[in-house]
Every structure is written in structure tokens, then in C-alpha cells.
C-alpha atoms as a PDB file:
ATOM      1  CA  MET A   1       7.091 -21.077   4.250  1.00  0.00           C
ATOM      2  CA  LEU A   2       8.071 -17.738   2.937  1.00  0.00           C
ATOM      3  CA  ALA A   3       5.842 -14.784   2.708  1.00  0.00           C
ATOM      4  CA  TYR A   4       6.407 -12.089   0.026  1.00  0.00           C
ATOM      5  CA  CYS A   5       4.209  -9.584   1.529  1.00  0.00           C
ATOM      6  CA  ASP A   6       6.997  -6.886   1.173  1.00  0.00           C
ATOM      7  CA  TYR A   7       7.550  -7.607  -2.375  1.00  0.00           C
ATOM      8  CA  MET A   8       3.823  -7.624  -3.394  1.00  0.00           C
ATOM      9  CA  ALA A   9       3.375  -4.374  -1.665  1.00  0.00           C
ATOM     10  CA  LYS A  10       6.217  -2.705  -3.343  1.00  0.00           C
ATOM     11  CA  VAL A  11       4.958  -3.838  -6.740  1.00  0.00           C
ATOM     12  CA  ILE A  12       1.398  -2.524  -6.037  1.00  0.00           C
ATOM     13  CA  ASN A  13       2.613   0.806  -4.509  1.00  0.00           C
ATOM     14  CA  ASP A  14       4.879   1.287  -7.530  1.00  0.00           C
ATOM     15  CA  ALA A  15       2.282   0.383 -10.062  1.00  0.00           C
ATOM     16  CA  LEU A  16      -0.334   2.695  -8.193  1.00  0.00           C
ATOM     17  CA  LYS A  17       2.132   5.714  -8.152  1.00  0.00           C
ATOM     18  CA  LYS A  18       3.040   5.235 -11.681  1.00  0.00           C
ATOM     19  CA  ASP A  19      -0.663   5.140 -12.623  1.00  0.00           C
ATOM     20  CA  SER A  20      -1.167   8.301 -10.591  1.00  0.00           C
ATOM     21  CA  HIS A  21       0.972  10.153 -13.119  1.00  0.00           C
ATOM     22  CA  VAL A  22      -1.011   9.239 -16.221  1.00  0.00           C
ATOM     23  CA  TYR A  23      -3.539  11.818 -17.577  1.00  0.00           C
ATOM     24  CA  GLY A  24      -7.025  10.845 -16.867  1.00  0.00           C
ATOM     25  CA  SER A  25      -6.130   8.270 -13.927  1.00  0.00           C
ATOM     26  CA  PHE A  26      -8.554   7.824 -11.191  1.00  0.00           C
ATOM     27  CA  VAL A  27      -5.669   7.494  -8.713  1.00  0.00           C
ATOM     28  CA  ASP A  28      -4.616  10.961  -7.129  1.00  0.00           C
ATOM     29  CA  SER A  29      -2.021   9.932  -4.652  1.00  0.00           C
ATOM     30  CA  VAL A  30      -0.527   6.956  -3.060  1.00  0.00           C
ATOM     31  CA  GLY A  31       0.813   6.916   0.578  1.00  0.00           C
ATOM     32  CA  ARG A  32       3.852   4.776   1.541  1.00  0.00           C
ATOM     33  CA  VAL A  33       3.808   1.293   2.649  1.00  0.00           C
ATOM     34  CA  ASN A  34       3.114   0.842   6.227  1.00  0.00           C
ATOM     35  CA  TYR A  35       4.271  -2.219   8.518  1.00  0.00           C
ATOM     36  CA  ASP A  36       2.288  -3.796  11.118  1.00  0.00           C
ATOM     37  CA  LEU A  37       4.341  -2.746  14.226  1.00  0.00           C
ATOM     38  CA  GLY A  38       3.362  -2.853  17.866  1.00  0.00           C
ATOM     39  CA  PRO A  39       3.274   0.084  20.186  1.00  0.00           C
ATOM     40  CA  GLN A  40       7.167   0.038  20.742  1.00  0.00           C
ATOM     41  CA  GLY A  41       7.947  -0.640  17.142  1.00  0.00           C
ATOM     42  CA  GLU A  42       8.080  -4.630  17.398  1.00  0.00           C
ATOM     43  CA  PHE A  43       7.131  -6.639  14.485  1.00  0.00           C
ATOM     44  CA  ARG A  44       3.539  -8.004  14.750  1.00  0.00           C
ATOM     45  CA  SER A  45       2.913  -9.600  11.379  1.00  0.00           C
ATOM     46  CA  THR A  46       3.666  -9.562   7.444  1.00  0.00           C
ATOM     47  CA  LYS A  47       0.586  -7.395   6.744  1.00  0.00           C
ATOM     48  CA  LYS A  48       1.225  -4.240   4.853  1.00  0.00           C
ATOM     49  CA  THR A  49      -1.064  -1.421   4.112  1.00  0.00           C
ATOM     50  CA  MET A  50      -1.071   1.884   2.155  1.00  0.00           C
ATOM     51  CA  THR A  51      -3.464   4.600   1.671  1.00  0.00           C
ATOM     52  CA  VAL A  52      -4.599   5.578  -1.862  1.00  0.00           C
ATOM     53  CA  VAL A  53      -6.675   8.738  -2.851  1.00  0.00           C
ATOM     54  CA  ASP A  54      -8.782   8.936  -5.924  1.00  0.00           C
ATOM     55  CA  ARG A  55      -9.229  11.940  -8.080  1.00  0.00           C
ATOM     56  CA  ASN A  56     -12.601  12.752  -6.152  1.00  0.00           C
ATOM     57  CA  GLY A  57     -10.904  12.775  -2.783  1.00  0.00           C
ATOM     58  CA  LYS A  58     -12.257   9.413  -1.640  1.00  0.00           C
ATOM     59  CA  ASN A  59      -9.717   7.484   0.553  1.00  0.00           C
ATOM     60  CA  TYR A  60      -8.867   3.924   0.467  1.00  0.00           C
ATOM     61  CA  VAL A  61      -6.648   1.311   2.146  1.00  0.00           C
ATOM     62  CA  VAL A  62      -4.954  -1.367   0.193  1.00  0.00           C
ATOM     63  CA  THR A  63      -3.760  -4.228   2.391  1.00  0.00           C
ATOM     64  CA  VAL A  64      -1.401  -6.953   1.543  1.00  0.00           C
ATOM     65  CA  GLU A  65      -1.699  -9.910   4.165  1.00  0.00           C
ATOM     66  CA  GLU A  66      -0.745 -13.488   4.099  1.00  0.00           C
ATOM     67  CA  ILE A  67      -3.537 -15.815   4.677  1.00  0.00           C
END
């Protein structure tokens, strides 16, 4: 069965970045989508993560992972 983690992570990342540019948004910055890779760069899973910072400087990790 196919997993769409790449697509979902991109959609979420793009939406958060767009929201960060709206006046009054709670989102200050959004990092790039990170892949779940091993020490030598080998593919480990379809999990994707991104870091988000709110306007108060609090950090969050947003994770997309098939279950």
C-alpha cells in the first residue's frame, strides 16, 4: 500500500509557511521537512518532521508518520 507522507508533509509545511506571513499569526518560522535517515544517509522510514517556532519563541516538532 502506498504512503503519502512526503505529500502530506509538504502540504502542512507550505500551509504553515504561508500562515507565518499573515499579520497576527502565532507562527513565527517553519523549518524544512526532514527525512528519517540513518547515519550513512540510508532510508529508514517514511516519517517526516519539521520544526515550527511560535511568536513567543516556543519550539515545536510536527511529525508525519504512517501508522
